[in-house]
Amino acid sequence: MPHDNSEERDARFTARLEQLEQDIASLRQGFLVVNARYAQTMQSLKLLTDATLEAALRAASAAEKAALACKNATAAAMASAAVYVLEATRAAAEAASSAAVSASEAAAAASAAASAAAHAAALQAEETALQASAEASRATARATAAAAAAAQLASQAALVAHTLKPSPGA
């Protein structure tokens, strides 16, 4: 009988060992699947970070261009600040105001893109993502400064337009 007990114990041990080998193989396969999904997720986050950085930079550029348009419209309003071109002055002031609004919208877009880049950076915790987030924040600062300048210029243009009085008979 002792011999039978030993064979039974060996059979149980072998069965348990085979079960553990199957469990390890299953765990390894699960790890490979999770690792592949993680790699895909990281690649998606990198693409998201790149896209949000580009959006922030483009929004900053748009804000700066809108501020330039506002500056030009303000200059036109001031240059045409004569009673006989009152309508042109008012139109230039309105253009300056619209450009200022556009600059503000672009600054808001840059801010949203910077926020998305920061979120992606937090998820990735990679140096490139952190750099992209910092660059997007700098783009937001550029856009905000351009929007502020545009608003100030639009205010000047509006002041010029409102100080003009139409001449009698005009």
Protein backbone atom coordinates (compact mmCIF):
# COMPACT_ATOMS: atom_id res chain seq x y z
CA MET A 1 0.00 0.00 0.00
CA PRO A 2 2.69 2.55 0.67
CA HIS A 3 3.69 2.14 -2.94
CA ASP A 4 0.16 2.95 -4.16
CA ASN A 5 0.06 6.07 -1.98
CA SER A 6 3.31 7.26 -3.54
CA GLU A 7 2.01 6.72 -7.05
CA GLU A 8 -1.19 8.54 -6.19
CA ARG A 9 0.78 11.42 -4.70
CA ASP A 10 3.00 11.56 -7.80
CA ALA A 11 -0.07 11.60 -10.06
CA ARG A 12 -1.60 14.44 -8.03
CA PHE A 13 1.70 16.31 -8.08
CA THR A 14 2.03 15.84 -11.85
CA ALA A 15 -1.56 16.99 -12.41
CA ARG A 16 -1.00 20.02 -10.20
CA LEU A 17 2.25 20.81 -12.02
CA GLU A 18 0.48 20.57 -15.41
CA GLN A 19 -2.29 22.85 -14.12
CA LEU A 20 0.28 25.40 -12.95
CA GLU A 21 2.01 25.26 -16.35
CA GLN A 22 -1.35 25.92 -18.04
CA ASP A 23 -2.04 28.79 -15.64
CA ILE A 24 1.37 30.32 -16.35
CA ALA A 25 0.82 30.00 -20.11
CA SER A 26 -2.60 31.64 -19.73
CA LEU A 27 -1.15 34.46 -17.64
CA ARG A 28 1.64 34.97 -20.17
CA GLN A 29 -0.88 35.17 -23.01
CA GLY A 30 -2.98 37.64 -21.02
CA PHE A 31 0.11 39.74 -20.35
CA LEU A 32 0.95 39.81 -24.07
CA VAL A 33 -2.57 40.99 -24.90
CA VAL A 34 -2.52 43.68 -22.20
CA ASN A 35 0.96 44.78 -23.23
CA ALA A 36 -0.10 45.10 -26.88
CA ARG A 37 -3.16 47.14 -25.88
CA TYR A 38 -1.01 49.34 -23.66
CA ALA A 39 1.39 49.99 -26.53
CA GLN A 40 -1.55 50.93 -28.78
CA THR A 41 -2.96 53.24 -26.11
CA MET A 42 0.40 54.95 -25.65
CA GLN A 43 0.67 55.45 -29.42
CA SER A 44 -2.83 56.94 -29.49
CA LEU A 45 -1.98 59.28 -26.63
CA LYS A 46 1.19 60.35 -28.42
CA LEU A 47 -0.84 61.16 -31.54
CA LEU A 48 -3.35 63.06 -29.39
CA THR A 49 -0.55 65.02 -27.75
CA ASP A 50 0.97 65.88 -31.12
CA ALA A 51 -2.41 66.95 -32.49
CA THR A 52 -3.25 69.11 -29.48
CA LEU A 53 0.15 70.76 -29.63
CA GLU A 54 -0.37 71.56 -33.32
CA ALA A 55 -3.84 72.92 -32.53
CA ALA A 56 -2.43 75.16 -29.80
CA LEU A 57 0.32 76.46 -32.08
CA ARG A 58 -2.13 77.12 -34.91
CA ALA A 59 -4.54 78.85 -32.56
CA ALA A 60 -1.73 81.03 -31.26
CA SER A 61 -0.75 81.89 -34.82
CA ALA A 62 -4.38 82.69 -35.66
CA ALA A 63 -4.63 84.95 -32.62
CA GLU A 64 -1.45 86.76 -33.64
CA LYS A 65 -2.74 87.19 -37.20
CA ALA A 66 -6.08 88.44 -35.90
CA ALA A 67 -4.22 90.92 -33.71
CA LEU A 68 -2.28 92.09 -36.78
CA ALA A 69 -5.55 92.45 -38.71
CA CYS A 70 -6.92 94.43 -35.79
CA LYS A 71 -3.82 96.65 -35.79
CA ASN A 72 -4.21 97.29 -39.52
CA ALA A 73 -7.92 98.01 -39.17
CA THR A 74 -7.18 100.39 -36.30
CA ALA A 75 -4.54 102.15 -38.39
CA ALA A 76 -7.04 102.43 -41.24
CA ALA A 77 -9.64 103.85 -38.88
CA MET A 78 -7.22 106.43 -37.56
CA ALA A 79 -5.88 107.31 -41.01
CA SER A 80 -9.37 107.80 -42.36
CA ALA A 81 -10.51 109.76 -39.34
CA ALA A 82 -12.00 112.53 -41.34
CA VAL A 83 -15.63 113.46 -41.46
CA TYR A 84 -16.01 112.76 -45.17
CA VAL A 85 -14.91 109.14 -44.71
CA LEU A 86 -16.87 108.51 -41.54
CA GLU A 87 -18.42 105.28 -42.84
CA ALA A 88 -14.99 103.87 -43.76
CA THR A 89 -13.71 104.78 -40.31
CA ARG A 90 -16.63 103.04 -38.64
CA ALA A 91 -16.21 99.98 -40.89
CA ALA A 92 -12.51 99.81 -40.01
CA ALA A 93 -13.38 100.06 -36.32
CA GLU A 94 -15.89 97.23 -36.70
CA ALA A 95 -13.25 95.16 -38.51
CA ALA A 96 -10.85 95.82 -35.65
CA SER A 97 -13.50 94.72 -33.17
CA SER A 98 -14.20 91.53 -35.15
CA ALA A 99 -10.49 90.78 -35.34
CA ALA A 100 -10.23 91.21 -31.57
CA VAL A 101 -13.09 88.76 -31.05
CA SER A 102 -11.37 86.33 -33.43
CA ALA A 103 -8.13 86.67 -31.47
CA SER A 104 -10.01 85.92 -28.25
CA GLU A 105 -11.58 82.82 -29.77
CA ALA A 106 -8.19 81.65 -30.99
CA ALA A 107 -6.75 82.19 -27.52
CA ALA A 108 -9.56 80.08 -26.07
CA ALA A 109 -8.84 77.36 -28.62
CA ALA A 110 -5.14 77.45 -27.73
CA SER A 111 -6.08 77.13 -24.07
CA ALA A 112 -8.31 74.13 -24.74
CA ALA A 113 -5.59 72.47 -26.80
CA ALA A 114 -3.03 73.12 -24.09
CA SER A 115 -5.37 71.58 -21.54
CA ALA A 116 -5.77 68.48 -23.71
CA ALA A 117 -2.00 68.25 -24.15
CA ALA A 118 -1.52 68.53 -20.38
CA HIS A 119 -4.08 65.78 -19.81
CA ALA A 120 -2.38 63.53 -22.35
CA ALA A 121 0.97 64.28 -20.73
CA ALA A 122 -0.42 63.29 -17.35
CA LEU A 123 -1.64 60.02 -18.79
CA GLN A 124 1.59 59.27 -20.62
CA ALA A 125 4.05 60.65 -18.09
CA GLU A 126 6.66 60.70 -20.83
CA GLU A 127 9.21 63.42 -21.43
CA THR A 128 8.00 64.16 -24.98
CA ALA A 129 4.41 64.56 -23.79
CA LEU A 130 5.52 66.87 -20.99
CA GLN A 131 7.50 68.96 -23.46
CA ALA A 132 4.48 69.16 -25.79
CA SER A 133 2.31 70.26 -22.90
CA ALA A 134 4.77 72.99 -21.95
CA GLU A 135 4.97 74.18 -25.56
CA ALA A 136 1.18 74.23 -25.82
CA SER A 137 1.06 76.34 -22.65
CA ARG A 138 3.53 78.80 -24.19
CA ALA A 139 1.33 78.94 -27.31
CA THR A 140 -1.64 79.76 -25.08
CA ALA A 141 0.32 82.61 -23.53
CA ARG A 142 1.15 83.93 -27.02
CA ALA A 143 -2.50 83.71 -28.09
CA THR A 144 -3.70 85.42 -24.93
CA ALA A 145 -1.22 88.28 -25.38
CA ALA A 146 -2.28 88.69 -29.00
CA ALA A 147 -5.96 88.74 -27.99
CA ALA A 148 -5.29 91.39 -25.36
CA ALA A 149 -3.40 93.54 -27.87
CA ALA A 150 -6.19 93.12 -30.40
CA ALA A 151 -8.81 94.15 -27.86
CA GLN A 152 -6.83 97.27 -26.98
CA LEU A 153 -6.42 98.20 -30.65
CA ALA A 154 -10.11 97.61 -31.33
CA SER A 155 -10.95 99.88 -28.43
CA GLN A 156 -8.75 102.61 -29.92
CA ALA A 157 -10.39 102.19 -33.33
CA ALA A 158 -13.85 102.39 -31.80
CA LEU A 159 -12.88 105.52 -29.90
CA VAL A 160 -11.70 107.18 -33.12
CA ALA A 161 -14.87 106.18 -34.95
CA HIS A 162 -17.13 107.44 -32.18
CA THR A 163 -15.40 110.78 -31.79
CA LEU A 164 -16.12 111.74 -35.39
CA LYS A 165 -19.26 113.67 -36.08
CA PRO A 166 -20.80 113.77 -39.53
CA SER A 167 -20.62 117.15 -41.18
CA PRO A 168 -23.87 118.94 -41.87
CA GLY A 169 -25.27 117.83 -45.19
CA ALA A 170 -23.10 114.67 -45.28
